[in-house]
Amino acid sequence: MAFGELKRRQSVMWGNGPYQHITETVTDIHARVIEHATTAHELARVVVPGGRIALANWTPDGSLGQMFKMMRPFMPTPPPSAGDPFAWGREEVVCELLGDAF
């Protein structure tokens, strides 16, 4: 996905809903930290009360998390504004972001 398309997707998200169910894979892994809250807000906005969301994301302990740990010494340090690509793969982060809405 081109950078412009990613930014357009983040600004539009899922339209106006309402949806009974949403399936999202690799939820905003490239978003800046502040945009994680925006994604959570959008999910809550477009899913009807009692609706369900299904998330499939990278976890820090999964194979991609291990690969990134192995490559870290050879990669440049990301800027402070860069988001954690594994944030949505941590249950406590998802509960913090979506707990009030779901």
Protein backbone atom coordinates (compact mmCIF):
# COMPACT_ATOMS: atom_id res chain seq x y z
CA MET A 1 0.00 0.00 0.00
CA ALA A 2 1.43 3.37 -0.99
CA PHE A 3 2.01 5.95 1.74
CA GLY A 4 -0.69 8.24 0.30
CA GLU A 5 -3.18 5.37 0.32
CA LEU A 6 -2.30 4.55 3.93
CA LYS A 7 -2.92 8.15 5.01
CA ARG A 8 -6.20 8.25 3.04
CA ARG A 9 -7.31 4.98 4.68
CA GLN A 10 -6.51 6.34 8.12
CA SER A 11 -8.56 9.46 7.48
CA VAL A 12 -11.56 7.59 6.06
CA MET A 13 -11.29 4.38 8.09
CA TRP A 14 -14.54 2.46 7.74
CA GLY A 15 -16.94 5.10 6.45
CA ASN A 16 -20.08 5.82 8.41
CA GLY A 17 -21.11 2.31 9.40
CA PRO A 18 -23.02 1.02 11.21
CA TYR A 19 -21.59 -2.49 11.10
CA GLN A 20 -22.49 -5.58 13.08
CA HIS A 21 -18.98 -7.02 12.63
CA ILE A 22 -15.56 -5.75 11.55
CA THR A 23 -12.53 -7.88 10.80
CA GLU A 24 -9.22 -6.02 10.84
CA THR A 25 -5.83 -7.55 10.17
CA VAL A 26 -2.58 -5.95 11.23
CA THR A 27 -4.46 -3.05 12.83
CA ASP A 28 -2.68 0.21 12.09
CA ILE A 29 0.78 -1.27 12.63
CA HIS A 30 2.41 1.66 10.90
CA ALA A 31 0.42 4.33 12.71
CA ARG A 32 2.04 6.82 15.01
CA VAL A 33 1.30 6.25 18.69
CA ILE A 34 -1.40 8.93 18.83
CA GLU A 35 -3.22 7.32 15.89
CA HIS A 36 -3.82 4.10 17.82
CA ALA A 37 -6.44 5.97 19.87
CA THR A 38 -7.98 7.31 16.64
CA THR A 39 -8.27 3.79 15.26
CA ALA A 40 -9.92 2.58 18.48
CA HIS A 41 -12.35 5.51 18.38
CA GLU A 42 -13.25 4.74 14.76
CA LEU A 43 -13.88 1.07 15.57
CA ALA A 44 -16.19 2.05 18.41
CA ARG A 45 -17.94 4.66 16.25
CA VAL A 46 -18.87 2.39 13.34
CA VAL A 47 -19.71 -0.86 15.17
CA VAL A 48 -23.23 -1.01 16.57
CA PRO A 49 -23.63 -1.52 20.33
CA GLY A 50 -23.23 -5.23 20.97
CA GLY A 51 -21.37 -5.66 17.66
CA ARG A 52 -18.12 -7.58 17.37
CA ILE A 53 -14.67 -6.83 16.06
CA ALA A 54 -12.07 -9.45 15.19
CA LEU A 55 -8.43 -8.37 15.20
CA ALA A 56 -5.48 -10.33 13.84
CA ASN A 57 -2.22 -8.56 14.66
CA TRP A 58 1.49 -9.13 15.07
CA THR A 59 2.51 -10.06 18.60
CA PRO A 60 5.88 -9.23 20.13
CA ASP A 61 6.50 -12.89 20.96
CA GLY A 62 5.35 -14.26 17.59
CA SER A 63 7.60 -15.11 14.66
CA LEU A 64 7.54 -11.56 13.24
CA GLY A 65 8.26 -10.10 16.65
CA GLN A 66 11.25 -12.41 16.99
CA MET A 67 12.43 -11.48 13.48
CA PHE A 68 12.25 -7.76 14.32
CA LYS A 69 14.21 -8.36 17.55
CA MET A 70 16.89 -10.18 15.59
CA MET A 71 17.11 -7.38 12.98
CA ARG A 72 17.01 -4.47 15.50
CA PRO A 73 20.82 -4.13 15.84
CA PHE A 74 21.11 -3.68 12.07
CA MET A 75 18.31 -1.16 11.63
CA PRO A 76 18.28 2.59 12.22
CA THR A 77 16.59 3.83 15.37
CA PRO A 78 13.00 4.82 14.55
CA PRO A 79 11.92 8.38 15.32
CA PRO A 80 10.13 8.97 18.66
CA SER A 81 6.86 9.60 16.82
CA ALA A 82 6.93 6.15 15.24
CA GLY A 83 4.33 3.79 16.60
CA ASP A 84 4.99 0.35 17.99
CA PRO A 85 4.07 -2.11 15.23
CA PHE A 86 3.25 -4.67 17.92
CA ALA A 87 1.00 -2.48 20.10
CA TRP A 88 -2.22 -4.00 18.79
CA GLY A 89 -0.77 -7.47 19.41
CA ARG A 90 -0.70 -6.85 23.17
CA GLU A 91 -3.93 -7.71 24.98
CA GLU A 92 -3.43 -5.00 27.60
CA VAL A 93 -3.09 -2.32 24.89
CA VAL A 94 -6.24 -3.48 23.10
CA CYS A 95 -8.16 -3.56 26.40
CA GLU A 96 -6.94 -0.05 27.21
CA LEU A 97 -7.89 1.29 23.78
CA LEU A 98 -11.22 -0.52 23.37
CA GLY A 99 -12.24 -1.45 26.91
CA ASP A 100 -14.87 1.26 27.38
CA ALA A 101 -16.51 0.62 24.01
CA PHE A 102 -16.51 -3.17 23.94
